[in-house]
Protein backbone atom coordinates (compact mmCIF):
# COMPACT_ATOMS: atom_id res chain seq x y z
CA ALA A 1 -62.78 -10.42 44.39
CA LEU A 2 -60.85 -13.69 44.54
CA GLN A 3 -60.36 -13.65 40.76
CA THR A 4 -58.85 -10.16 40.98
CA GLU A 5 -56.57 -11.34 43.76
CA VAL A 6 -55.40 -14.28 41.63
CA GLU A 7 -54.80 -12.01 38.63
CA ASN A 8 -52.85 -9.56 40.77
CA ASN A 9 -50.71 -12.37 42.15
CA CYS A 10 -50.00 -13.59 38.63
CA LEU A 11 -48.97 -10.11 37.48
CA ASN A 12 -46.82 -9.61 40.56
CA GLU A 13 -45.09 -12.92 39.96
CA LYS A 14 -44.33 -12.02 36.34
CA GLN A 15 -43.01 -8.63 37.37
CA PHE A 16 -40.92 -10.18 40.14
CA ASN A 17 -39.37 -12.70 37.73
CA GLN A 18 -38.56 -9.94 35.28
CA LEU A 19 -36.93 -7.86 38.02
CA GLU A 20 -34.92 -10.88 39.12
CA ARG A 21 -33.60 -11.36 35.59
CA GLU A 22 -32.73 -7.66 35.33
CA TYR A 23 -31.00 -7.82 38.70
CA SER A 24 -28.84 -10.74 37.55
CA ARG A 25 -27.96 -8.90 34.36
CA TYR A 26 -26.98 -5.75 36.22
CA GLU A 27 -24.99 -7.77 38.73
CA GLN A 28 -23.02 -9.29 35.83
CA GLU A 29 -22.48 -5.83 34.30
CA ILE A 30 -21.16 -4.55 37.63
CA GLN A 31 -18.72 -7.46 37.86
CA ASP A 32 -17.52 -6.80 34.31
CA LEU A 33 -17.06 -3.09 35.04
CA ASN A 34 -15.16 -3.88 38.24
CA LYS A 35 -12.81 -6.12 36.24
CA ASP A 36 -12.28 -3.28 33.75
CA ILE A 37 -11.54 -0.85 36.59
CA GLU A 38 -9.06 -3.27 38.13
CA ARG A 39 -7.36 -3.78 34.78
CA LEU A 40 -7.12 -0.01 34.21
CA GLU A 41 -5.78 0.57 37.72
CA ASN A 42 -3.11 -2.08 37.18
CA ALA A 43 -2.17 -0.57 33.82
CA SER A 44 -1.87 2.93 35.27
CA GLU A 45 0.22 1.64 38.19
CA GLU A 46 2.61 0.03 35.72
CA GLU A 47 2.88 3.29 33.77
CA ILE A 48 3.67 5.24 36.94
CA ALA A 49 6.34 2.74 38.04
């Protein structure tokens, strides 16, 4: 039973680390997209003016 517990913990830790990496990647993507949106908004404001 203890062995199973240890194995489960190990798997959970690997999964957690993977999710953390994915989270960081998505966070970066969101920041990049927000910059694009800001740039497009500025460009469209200049066109309107």
